[in-house]
Protein backbone atom coordinates (compact mmCIF):
# COMPACT_ATOMS: atom_id res chain seq x y z
CA MET A 1 -0.22 -0.06 0.06
CA GLU A 2 1.48 3.27 -1.20
CA MET A 3 1.69 6.15 1.32
CA PRO A 4 -0.27 9.55 0.90
CA LEU A 5 1.65 12.29 0.31
CA LEU A 6 1.67 14.12 3.61
CA GLN A 7 3.24 10.67 5.38
CA GLN A 8 5.57 11.09 2.47
CA LEU A 9 6.50 14.41 3.02
CA GLU A 10 6.97 13.57 6.81
CA LYS A 11 9.56 11.00 6.00
CA LEU A 12 11.28 13.43 3.54
CA LEU A 13 11.31 16.26 6.47
CA ASN A 14 12.76 13.79 8.91
CA ALA A 15 15.61 13.05 6.57
CA TYR A 16 16.20 16.99 6.20
CA SER A 17 15.68 17.66 9.68
CA HIS A 18 19.24 16.07 10.92
CA GLN A 19 20.73 19.16 9.11
CA TYR A 20 18.13 21.69 8.50
CA ASP A 21 15.59 23.71 10.72
CA ILE A 22 12.13 22.77 9.48
CA ALA A 23 9.17 24.86 9.42
CA ARG A 24 5.65 23.96 8.93
CA ASP A 25 2.43 25.47 7.14
CA VAL A 26 4.78 28.39 6.16
CA GLU A 27 3.33 31.32 4.22
CA GLU A 28 5.79 33.21 1.94
CA GLU A 29 5.46 35.87 -0.96
CA GLY A 30 1.71 35.17 -1.12
CA ALA A 31 2.22 31.29 -1.28
CA ALA A 32 1.29 28.49 1.34
CA TRP A 33 4.14 25.98 1.49
CA PRO A 34 3.42 22.67 3.58
CA ALA A 35 6.99 23.33 4.97
CA THR A 36 10.45 25.02 4.40
CA ALA A 37 13.94 23.98 5.53
CA THR A 38 16.86 26.11 6.55
CA TYR A 39 20.37 25.33 6.65
CA TYR A 40 23.12 27.74 8.08
CA LEU A 41 26.94 26.98 8.73
CA ARG A 42 29.50 29.63 9.76
CA ASP A 43 33.15 28.33 9.72
CA GLU A 44 35.84 30.70 11.35
CA ASN A 45 39.73 30.20 11.14
CA TYR A 46 41.56 32.04 14.08
CA LEU A 47 45.23 33.36 15.05
CA LEU A 48 45.82 32.65 18.57
CA SER A 49 42.57 33.83 19.77
CA LYS A 50 38.65 34.19 18.80
CA LYS A 51 39.40 38.14 18.63
CA HIS A 52 41.43 37.63 15.60
CA VAL A 53 39.50 35.93 12.99
CA LEU A 54 41.65 34.94 9.97
CA SER A 55 39.04 34.03 7.72
CA ALA A 56 35.24 32.78 7.89
CA VAL A 57 32.81 31.19 5.66
CA GLU A 58 28.83 31.39 5.62
CA GLN A 59 26.78 28.99 3.95
CA HIS A 60 22.92 29.06 3.64
CA GLU A 61 20.09 26.96 1.97
CA TYR A 62 16.37 27.60 1.85
CA VAL A 63 14.63 24.67 0.71
CA TYR A 64 10.54 24.87 -0.36
CA PHE A 65 8.38 21.74 -0.52
CA TYR A 66 5.36 21.38 -2.44
CA LEU A 67 2.57 18.52 -2.93
CA THR A 68 0.54 18.20 -5.60
CA ASP A 69 -1.62 15.85 -7.26
CA HIS A 70 -0.85 16.74 -11.04
CA LEU A 71 2.03 19.03 -11.46
CA THR A 72 1.61 21.05 -15.14
CA ALA A 73 4.27 23.34 -16.63
CA THR A 74 2.34 26.45 -15.25
CA ASP A 75 2.13 25.34 -11.74
CA LEU A 76 5.73 24.46 -11.84
CA GLN A 77 6.67 27.45 -13.32
CA SER A 78 4.64 29.40 -10.74
CA ARG A 79 6.10 27.56 -7.67
CA ILE A 80 9.47 27.85 -9.10
CA ASP A 81 9.04 31.97 -9.24
CA LEU A 82 7.51 32.00 -5.85
CA SER A 83 10.02 29.99 -4.16
CA LYS A 84 12.86 31.96 -5.95
CA ARG A 85 11.47 35.10 -4.98
CA ALA A 86 11.17 34.37 -1.66
CA GLY A 87 14.55 32.67 -1.03
CA LEU A 88 16.51 35.52 -3.04
CA GLY A 89 14.80 37.72 -0.60
CA LYS A 90 16.79 35.97 2.40
CA VAL A 91 19.83 36.14 1.05
CA LYS A 92 22.23 38.70 2.66
CA PRO A 93 25.78 38.74 0.49
CA HIS A 94 29.00 40.02 2.60
CA LYS A 95 32.47 39.34 2.19
CA ASP A 96 32.04 35.87 4.48
CA HIS A 97 29.11 35.04 2.32
CA MET A 98 30.17 32.05 0.20
CA PHE A 99 26.65 30.66 -1.08
CA SER A 100 22.71 31.00 -0.38
CA ASN A 101 21.32 28.45 -2.28
CA VAL A 102 17.48 28.30 -2.99
CA GLY A 103 15.44 24.90 -3.63
CA LEU A 104 12.10 23.55 -4.57
CA VAL A 105 11.13 19.96 -3.65
CA VAL A 106 7.76 18.43 -5.39
CA LEU A 107 6.22 15.52 -4.49
CA ALA A 108 3.44 14.76 -7.11
CA ASN A 109 1.09 11.72 -8.11
CA THR A 110 1.62 12.59 -11.96
CA ILE A 111 3.88 15.09 -13.86
CA ASP A 112 3.32 16.48 -17.12
CA PRO A 113 5.89 15.82 -19.68
CA ASP A 114 6.24 19.49 -20.44
CA ALA A 115 6.89 20.10 -16.40
CA VAL A 116 9.40 17.23 -16.70
CA LYS A 117 11.24 19.18 -19.31
CA LEU A 118 10.82 22.34 -17.49
CA LEU A 119 12.03 20.86 -14.41
CA LYS A 120 15.29 19.75 -16.26
CA ARG A 121 16.40 22.81 -18.10
CA THR A 122 15.53 25.31 -15.07
CA ARG A 123 18.94 27.23 -14.11
CA PHE A 124 19.52 29.91 -12.21
CA ARG A 125 22.85 31.34 -10.62
CA LYS A 126 23.81 34.92 -9.58
CA ASN A 127 26.98 36.14 -8.57
CA TYR A 128 27.53 38.71 -6.05
CA ARG A 129 30.74 41.00 -6.53
CA LEU A 130 32.11 38.67 -9.07
CA THR A 131 31.66 35.87 -6.76
CA PHE A 132 33.94 37.62 -4.00
CA TRP A 133 31.07 37.80 -1.89
CA GLY A 134 29.71 34.53 -3.03
CA TRP A 135 26.79 33.17 -5.26
CA THR A 136 23.26 31.93 -5.43
CA GLU A 137 22.25 28.72 -7.45
CA TYR A 138 18.57 27.40 -7.85
CA GLN A 139 18.15 23.66 -7.01
CA LEU A 140 15.11 21.87 -8.35
CA ALA A 141 14.18 18.23 -7.41
CA ALA A 142 10.71 16.13 -7.87
CA MET A 143 9.44 12.68 -7.24
CA GLU A 144 6.69 11.28 -9.62
CA ARG A 145 4.58 8.80 -7.44
CA SER A 146 2.72 6.99 -10.02
CA THR A 147 5.99 6.01 -11.86
CA ASN A 148 8.22 5.96 -9.21
CA CYS A 149 10.61 8.65 -11.15
CA PHE A 150 13.04 11.25 -9.81
CA TYR A 151 13.90 14.68 -11.65
CA SER A 152 16.20 17.31 -10.92
CA ASN A 153 17.85 20.19 -12.68
CA PRO A 154 21.55 20.04 -12.70
CA ALA A 155 22.13 21.86 -9.56
CA GLY A 156 19.43 20.03 -7.70
CA ALA A 157 21.02 16.62 -7.90
CA GLY A 158 21.64 16.45 -4.01
CA ALA A 159 17.78 17.06 -3.52
CA ARG A 160 17.21 14.39 -5.87
CA LYS A 161 19.51 11.81 -4.27
CA ILE A 162 17.83 12.43 -0.90
CA LEU A 163 14.59 11.64 -2.53
CA GLU A 164 15.80 8.37 -4.08
CA GLN A 165 17.22 7.44 -0.82
CA ASN A 166 13.99 7.80 0.96
CA PHE A 167 11.82 6.16 -1.81
CA ALA A 168 13.32 4.30 -4.50
CA PRO A 169 12.33 0.88 -4.62
CA LYS A 170 14.88 -1.46 -2.36
CA ASN A 171 15.04 -4.08 -4.96
CA GLY A 172 17.91 -1.87 -7.22
CA LYS A 173 15.46 -1.14 -9.90
CA ARG A 174 15.26 2.93 -10.56
CA LYS A 175 13.78 4.52 -13.34
């Protein structure tokens, strides 16, 4: 028996919760998201004491989750635009900023072939001060439950891998 979408989302959020802060039922940019995940890391190198910071690096990720019965290309484009706008609004580049990635993870029962094409060819990268202040990439991944297929854009390969680890059949057959 197949898990309902909400149960699959809970399983996926459990996998993300080890490194990300999870927020549920979020309203951003006029859109309702069943969940969001935020990752923050700051690494510093010191000289003799913490007062003398040699270098520091900050990494951020903002992931938005979306559930739908049938994903069309227009619906996907709308969600891409909303999540990108919401995520980019949180990015604050500065000299210690390395990257701030924005992502969308979609769980759908069925996905239109046009939506799959859009999903695979969506690319976005923004550099801040010639990358001296870091960059932002847009990560996109989706799972089609009816065929058990996993899709992503090139930047979203890590998110697709998390989907595969949690929902791919255990007998070794992956589409």
